[in-house]
Amino acid sequence: MRIMRNSQLRKIIVTALFAAIIFIGISVFQIPIPALIGRPFVHFGNALTALAIMFLGFGYGTLAGAIGLGLFDVTHGYASTAYLTVLEVVIVAAVVTLVFRLLRRDDTKKWHIVLVAFVAGFTKIFTSFGNSVIEGVAYQGMQWHAAVVGAVASEPATIVNSITTFVLVMILYYPLKKILNRSGLI
């Protein structure tokens, strides 16, 4: 029983750590990208969320991403659409978790991490598109077709963020795993 509690405590600690790092990663590093809908910018938050999901699994990884990204939204003028961000985290977490499980969480093959990183970035393209459509209709008063056109026109910003997620997950996975292993957190 004690081992299980310690294991659960470690997961809670790493979840809180990832939530804080995700919040900092989106707060500190921002490069604005022009778009017709929303105010997108390149940031580390999506990549760090994908990494949290890979290391912690669906439940705790989703929680870390939802807290980190959601807290950013609430504290930086995006409170009205924070629920969309949390919904995006849940969808990305479900897809990343599924793919990583299908690969048996085997990170000894580097191409597995490349595939999961690609899936995380690719999934973000679709969730951001949906987010933009909902935001256009619900918050900017656009007609459905205009919101879809606006979301398509905003996709270059999303693609830049998705590529950033893909690259950062590939670069950060193994060094972060080493740090978490050495510290006894995973």
C-alpha atoms as a PDB file:
ATOM      1  CA  MET A   1       0.000   0.000   0.000  1.00  0.00           C
ATOM      2  CA  ARG A   2       2.824   2.399   0.847  1.00  0.00           C
ATOM      3  CA  ILE A   3       4.484   1.847  -2.554  1.00  0.00           C
ATOM      4  CA  MET A   4       1.210   2.597  -4.335  1.00  0.00           C
ATOM      5  CA  ARG A   5       0.761   5.825  -2.368  1.00  0.00           C
ATOM      6  CA  ASN A   6       4.321   6.864  -3.133  1.00  0.00           C
ATOM      7  CA  SER A   7       3.779   6.095  -6.810  1.00  0.00           C
ATOM      8  CA  GLN A   8       0.551   8.068  -6.842  1.00  0.00           C
ATOM      9  CA  LEU A   9       2.208  10.920  -4.949  1.00  0.00           C
ATOM     10  CA  ARG A  10       5.009  10.989  -7.534  1.00  0.00           C
ATOM     11  CA  LYS A  11       2.443  11.181 -10.345  1.00  0.00           C
ATOM     12  CA  ILE A  12       0.689  14.056  -8.596  1.00  0.00           C
ATOM     13  CA  ILE A  13       4.007  15.857  -8.105  1.00  0.00           C
ATOM     14  CA  VAL A  14       5.022  15.369 -11.755  1.00  0.00           C
ATOM     15  CA  THR A  15       1.537  16.455 -12.863  1.00  0.00           C
ATOM     16  CA  ALA A  16       1.869  19.679 -10.866  1.00  0.00           C
ATOM     17  CA  LEU A  17       5.395  20.155 -12.198  1.00  0.00           C
ATOM     18  CA  PHE A  18       4.230  19.722 -15.794  1.00  0.00           C
ATOM     19  CA  ALA A  19       1.237  22.041 -15.245  1.00  0.00           C
ATOM     20  CA  ALA A  20       3.629  24.730 -13.980  1.00  0.00           C
ATOM     21  CA  ILE A  21       6.121  24.169 -16.800  1.00  0.00           C
ATOM     22  CA  ILE A  22       3.321  24.253 -19.395  1.00  0.00           C
ATOM     23  CA  PHE A  23       2.018  27.515 -17.936  1.00  0.00           C
ATOM     24  CA  ILE A  24       5.518  29.018 -17.964  1.00  0.00           C
ATOM     25  CA  GLY A  25       6.223  27.594 -21.442  1.00  0.00           C
ATOM     26  CA  ILE A  26       3.211  29.380 -22.901  1.00  0.00           C
ATOM     27  CA  SER A  27       3.580  32.558 -20.801  1.00  0.00           C
ATOM     28  CA  VAL A  28       7.257  33.278 -21.389  1.00  0.00           C
ATOM     29  CA  PHE A  29       7.826  32.245 -24.994  1.00  0.00           C
ATOM     30  CA  GLN A  30       5.334  33.720 -27.459  1.00  0.00           C
ATOM     31  CA  ILE A  31       5.718  34.680 -31.093  1.00  0.00           C
ATOM     32  CA  PRO A  32       2.451  36.172 -32.422  1.00  0.00           C
ATOM     33  CA  ILE A  33       1.179  34.836 -35.751  1.00  0.00           C
ATOM     34  CA  PRO A  34      -1.329  36.757 -37.889  1.00  0.00           C
ATOM     35  CA  ALA A  35      -4.709  35.035 -38.266  1.00  0.00           C
ATOM     36  CA  LEU A  36      -8.285  35.968 -39.181  1.00  0.00           C
ATOM     37  CA  ILE A  37      -9.781  34.343 -36.083  1.00  0.00           C
ATOM     38  CA  GLY A  38      -8.295  34.455 -32.625  1.00  0.00           C
ATOM     39  CA  ARG A  39      -4.857  35.646 -31.569  1.00  0.00           C
ATOM     40  CA  PRO A  40      -2.568  32.658 -32.168  1.00  0.00           C
ATOM     41  CA  PHE A  41       1.097  32.564 -31.291  1.00  0.00           C
ATOM     42  CA  VAL A  42       3.890  30.020 -31.332  1.00  0.00           C
ATOM     43  CA  HIS A  43       4.606  28.665 -27.858  1.00  0.00           C
ATOM     44  CA  PHE A  44       5.936  25.622 -25.985  1.00  0.00           C
ATOM     45  CA  GLY A  45       2.644  24.778 -24.236  1.00  0.00           C
ATOM     46  CA  ASN A  46       1.351  22.238 -26.770  1.00  0.00           C
ATOM     47  CA  ALA A  47       4.642  20.331 -26.927  1.00  0.00           C
ATOM     48  CA  LEU A  48       4.956  20.262 -23.141  1.00  0.00           C
ATOM     49  CA  THR A  49       1.367  19.025 -22.905  1.00  0.00           C
ATOM     50  CA  ALA A  50       2.129  16.205 -25.352  1.00  0.00           C
ATOM     51  CA  LEU A  51       5.195  15.296 -23.286  1.00  0.00           C
ATOM     52  CA  ALA A  52       3.137  15.305 -20.081  1.00  0.00           C
ATOM     53  CA  ILE A  53       0.672  12.918 -21.718  1.00  0.00           C
ATOM     54  CA  MET A  54       3.480  10.634 -22.882  1.00  0.00           C
ATOM     55  CA  PHE A  55       5.113  10.480 -19.443  1.00  0.00           C
ATOM     56  CA  LEU A  56       2.002  10.507 -17.254  1.00  0.00           C
ATOM     57  CA  GLY A  57      -0.617   8.816 -19.389  1.00  0.00           C
ATOM     58  CA  PHE A  58      -4.059  10.053 -20.331  1.00  0.00           C
ATOM     59  CA  GLY A  59      -5.484  11.057 -16.942  1.00  0.00           C
ATOM     60  CA  TYR A  60      -2.614  12.868 -15.278  1.00  0.00           C
ATOM     61  CA  GLY A  61      -1.220  14.160 -18.590  1.00  0.00           C
ATOM     62  CA  THR A  62      -4.593  15.628 -19.528  1.00  0.00           C
ATOM     63  CA  LEU A  63      -4.867  17.184 -16.090  1.00  0.00           C
ATOM     64  CA  ALA A  64      -1.412  18.783 -16.407  1.00  0.00           C
ATOM     65  CA  GLY A  65      -2.220  20.181 -19.860  1.00  0.00           C
ATOM     66  CA  ALA A  66      -5.680  21.389 -18.862  1.00  0.00           C
ATOM     67  CA  ILE A  67      -4.332  23.147 -15.767  1.00  0.00           C
ATOM     68  CA  GLY A  68      -1.306  24.671 -17.513  1.00  0.00           C
ATOM     69  CA  LEU A  69      -3.003  25.808 -20.719  1.00  0.00           C
ATOM     70  CA  GLY A  70      -6.340  26.551 -19.047  1.00  0.00           C
ATOM     71  CA  LEU A  71      -4.726  28.660 -16.338  1.00  0.00           C
ATOM     72  CA  PHE A  72      -2.874  30.612 -19.008  1.00  0.00           C
ATOM     73  CA  ASP A  73      -6.142  31.283 -20.828  1.00  0.00           C
ATOM     74  CA  VAL A  74      -7.895  32.418 -17.660  1.00  0.00           C
ATOM     75  CA  THR A  75      -5.061  34.742 -16.609  1.00  0.00           C
ATOM     76  CA  HIS A  76      -4.235  36.193 -20.041  1.00  0.00           C
ATOM     77  CA  GLY A  77      -7.552  37.364 -21.459  1.00  0.00           C
ATOM     78  CA  TYR A  78      -8.806  34.126 -23.002  1.00  0.00           C
ATOM     79  CA  ALA A  79     -11.115  33.066 -20.139  1.00  0.00           C
ATOM     80  CA  SER A  80     -14.222  32.926 -22.322  1.00  0.00           C
ATOM     81  CA  THR A  81     -12.655  30.259 -24.542  1.00  0.00           C
ATOM     82  CA  ALA A  82     -10.629  28.384 -21.914  1.00  0.00           C
ATOM     83  CA  TYR A  83     -13.094  25.491 -22.096  1.00  0.00           C
ATOM     84  CA  LEU A  84     -12.203  25.078 -25.794  1.00  0.00           C
ATOM     85  CA  THR A  85      -8.531  24.830 -24.860  1.00  0.00           C
ATOM     86  CA  VAL A  86      -9.329  22.184 -22.255  1.00  0.00           C
ATOM     87  CA  LEU A  87     -11.422  20.293 -24.811  1.00  0.00           C
ATOM     88  CA  GLU A  88      -8.485  20.420 -27.245  1.00  0.00           C
ATOM     89  CA  VAL A  89      -6.214  19.006 -24.524  1.00  0.00           C
ATOM     90  CA  VAL A  90      -8.613  16.115 -23.927  1.00  0.00           C
ATOM     91  CA  ILE A  91      -8.784  15.273 -27.648  1.00  0.00           C
ATOM     92  CA  VAL A  92      -5.008  15.517 -28.166  1.00  0.00           C
ATOM     93  CA  ALA A  93      -4.472  13.454 -25.007  1.00  0.00           C
ATOM     94  CA  ALA A  94      -6.835  10.732 -26.213  1.00  0.00           C
ATOM     95  CA  VAL A  95      -5.144  10.480 -29.617  1.00  0.00           C
ATOM     96  CA  VAL A  96      -1.564  10.652 -28.278  1.00  0.00           C
ATOM     97  CA  THR A  97      -2.370   8.094 -25.573  1.00  0.00           C
ATOM     98  CA  LEU A  98      -3.948   5.730 -28.104  1.00  0.00           C
ATOM     99  CA  VAL A  99      -0.991   5.900 -30.478  1.00  0.00           C
ATOM    100  CA  PHE A 100       1.592   5.578 -27.692  1.00  0.00           C
ATOM    101  CA  ARG A 101      -0.284   2.558 -26.278  1.00  0.00           C
ATOM    102  CA  LEU A 102      -0.478   0.958 -29.726  1.00  0.00           C
ATOM    103  CA  LEU A 103       3.310   1.331 -29.829  1.00  0.00           C
ATOM    104  CA  ARG A 104       3.396  -0.306 -26.356  1.00  0.00           C
ATOM    105  CA  ARG A 105       4.947   2.870 -24.954  1.00  0.00           C
ATOM    106  CA  ASP A 106       8.210   1.572 -26.420  1.00  0.00           C
ATOM    107  CA  ASP A 107      10.514   4.558 -26.620  1.00  0.00           C
ATOM    108  CA  THR A 108      13.608   2.483 -27.379  1.00  0.00           C
ATOM    109  CA  LYS A 109      12.728   2.889 -31.044  1.00  0.00           C
ATOM    110  CA  LYS A 110      13.196   6.558 -31.868  1.00  0.00           C
ATOM    111  CA  TRP A 111      10.745   6.390 -34.726  1.00  0.00           C
ATOM    112  CA  HIS A 112       8.014   5.693 -32.154  1.00  0.00           C
ATOM    113  CA  ILE A 113       8.673   9.068 -30.543  1.00  0.00           C
ATOM    114  CA  VAL A 114       8.794  10.701 -33.980  1.00  0.00           C
ATOM    115  CA  LEU A 115       5.404   9.146 -34.800  1.00  0.00           C
ATOM    116  CA  VAL A 116       3.822  10.213 -31.517  1.00  0.00           C
ATOM    117  CA  ALA A 117       5.256  13.724 -31.938  1.00  0.00           C
ATOM    118  CA  PHE A 118       3.834  13.880 -35.463  1.00  0.00           C
ATOM    119  CA  VAL A 119       0.434  12.660 -34.273  1.00  0.00           C
ATOM    120  CA  ALA A 120       0.398  15.277 -31.497  1.00  0.00           C
ATOM    121  CA  GLY A 121       1.159  18.076 -33.950  1.00  0.00           C
ATOM    122  CA  PHE A 122      -1.195  16.745 -36.613  1.00  0.00           C
ATOM    123  CA  THR A 123      -4.074  16.321 -34.170  1.00  0.00           C
ATOM    124  CA  LYS A 124      -3.561  19.901 -33.025  1.00  0.00           C
ATOM    125  CA  ILE A 125      -4.263  21.066 -36.596  1.00  0.00           C
ATOM    126  CA  PHE A 126      -7.765  19.592 -36.418  1.00  0.00           C
ATOM    127  CA  THR A 127      -8.546  20.654 -32.869  1.00  0.00           C
ATOM    128  CA  SER A 128      -7.404  24.215 -33.555  1.00  0.00           C
ATOM    129  CA  PHE A 129      -9.533  24.313 -36.707  1.00  0.00           C
ATOM    130  CA  GLY A 130     -12.591  23.250 -34.699  1.00  0.00           C
ATOM    131  CA  ASN A 131     -11.712  25.744 -31.996  1.00  0.00           C
ATOM    132  CA  SER A 132     -11.469  28.544 -34.592  1.00  0.00           C
ATOM    133  CA  VAL A 133     -14.839  27.654 -36.117  1.00  0.00           C
ATOM    134  CA  ILE A 134     -16.550  27.613 -32.713  1.00  0.00           C
ATOM    135  CA  GLU A 135     -14.837  30.851 -31.704  1.00  0.00           C
ATOM    136  CA  GLY A 136     -15.837  32.522 -34.988  1.00  0.00           C
ATOM    137  CA  VAL A 137     -19.487  31.532 -34.685  1.00  0.00           C
ATOM    138  CA  ALA A 138     -19.977  31.847 -30.925  1.00  0.00           C
ATOM    139  CA  TYR A 139     -17.771  34.795 -30.057  1.00  0.00           C
ATOM    140  CA  GLN A 140     -17.320  36.816 -33.234  1.00  0.00           C
ATOM    141  CA  GLY A 141     -20.859  36.409 -34.557  1.00  0.00           C
ATOM    142  CA  MET A 142     -19.812  34.903 -37.895  1.00  0.00           C
ATOM    143  CA  GLN A 143     -22.066  32.761 -40.016  1.00  0.00           C
ATOM    144  CA  TRP A 144     -21.056  29.096 -40.124  1.00  0.00           C
ATOM    145  CA  HIS A 145     -19.527  29.239 -43.637  1.00  0.00           C
ATOM    146  CA  ALA A 146     -17.639  32.470 -42.858  1.00  0.00           C
ATOM    147  CA  ALA A 147     -16.231  30.910 -39.683  1.00  0.00           C
ATOM    148  CA  VAL A 148     -15.060  27.872 -41.673  1.00  0.00           C
ATOM    149  CA  VAL A 149     -13.384  30.110 -44.254  1.00  0.00           C
ATOM    150  CA  GLY A 150     -11.787  32.148 -41.474  1.00  0.00           C
ATOM    151  CA  ALA A 151     -10.588  28.984 -39.752  1.00  0.00           C
ATOM    152  CA  VAL A 152      -9.064  27.725 -43.019  1.00  0.00           C
ATOM    153  CA  ALA A 153      -7.372  31.094 -43.519  1.00  0.00           C
ATOM    154  CA  SER A 154      -5.998  30.853 -39.967  1.00  0.00           C
ATOM    155  CA  GLU A 155      -4.534  27.374 -40.545  1.00  0.00           C
ATOM    156  CA  PRO A 156      -1.026  28.624 -41.436  1.00  0.00           C
ATOM    157  CA  ALA A 157      -0.685  29.830 -37.834  1.00  0.00           C
ATOM    158  CA  THR A 158      -1.894  26.455 -36.599  1.00  0.00           C
ATOM    159  CA  ILE A 159       0.503  24.612 -38.881  1.00  0.00           C
ATOM    160  CA  VAL A 160       3.439  26.620 -37.525  1.00  0.00           C
ATOM    161  CA  ASN A 161       2.378  25.714 -33.984  1.00  0.00           C
ATOM    162  CA  SER A 162       1.931  22.071 -34.962  1.00  0.00           C
ATOM    163  CA  ILE A 163       5.392  21.901 -36.517  1.00  0.00           C
ATOM    164  CA  THR A 164       6.796  23.504 -33.371  1.00  0.00           C
ATOM    165  CA  THR A 165       5.036  20.851 -31.269  1.00  0.00           C
ATOM    166  CA  PHE A 166       6.372  18.069 -33.483  1.00  0.00           C
ATOM    167  CA  VAL A 167       9.963  19.323 -33.345  1.00  0.00           C
ATOM    168  CA  LEU A 168       9.988  20.118 -29.630  1.00  0.00           C
ATOM    169  CA  VAL A 169       8.549  16.749 -28.605  1.00  0.00           C
ATOM    170  CA  MET A 170      11.250  14.986 -30.617  1.00  0.00           C
ATOM    171  CA  ILE A 171      14.005  17.173 -29.160  1.00  0.00           C
ATOM    172  CA  LEU A 172      12.827  17.192 -25.549  1.00  0.00           C
ATOM    173  CA  TYR A 173      11.525  13.649 -24.978  1.00  0.00           C
ATOM    174  CA  TYR A 174      14.782  11.810 -24.243  1.00  0.00           C
ATOM    175  CA  PRO A 175      16.529  14.550 -22.219  1.00  0.00           C
ATOM    176  CA  LEU A 176      13.387  15.044 -20.161  1.00  0.00           C
ATOM    177  CA  LYS A 177      13.018  11.313 -19.629  1.00  0.00           C
ATOM    178  CA  LYS A 178      16.613  11.180 -18.389  1.00  0.00           C
ATOM    179  CA  ILE A 179      15.978  14.039 -15.947  1.00  0.00           C
ATOM    180  CA  LEU A 180      12.749  12.505 -14.655  1.00  0.00           C
ATOM    181  CA  ASN A 181      14.405   9.081 -14.273  1.00  0.00           C
ATOM    182  CA  ARG A 182      17.424  10.460 -12.437  1.00  0.00           C
ATOM    183  CA  SER A 183      15.217  12.403 -10.071  1.00  0.00           C
ATOM    184  CA  GLY A 184      13.099   9.302  -9.395  1.00  0.00           C
ATOM    185  CA  LEU A 185       9.919  10.993 -10.579  1.00  0.00           C
ATOM    186  CA  ILE A 186       9.052   8.384 -13.210  1.00  0.00           C
END
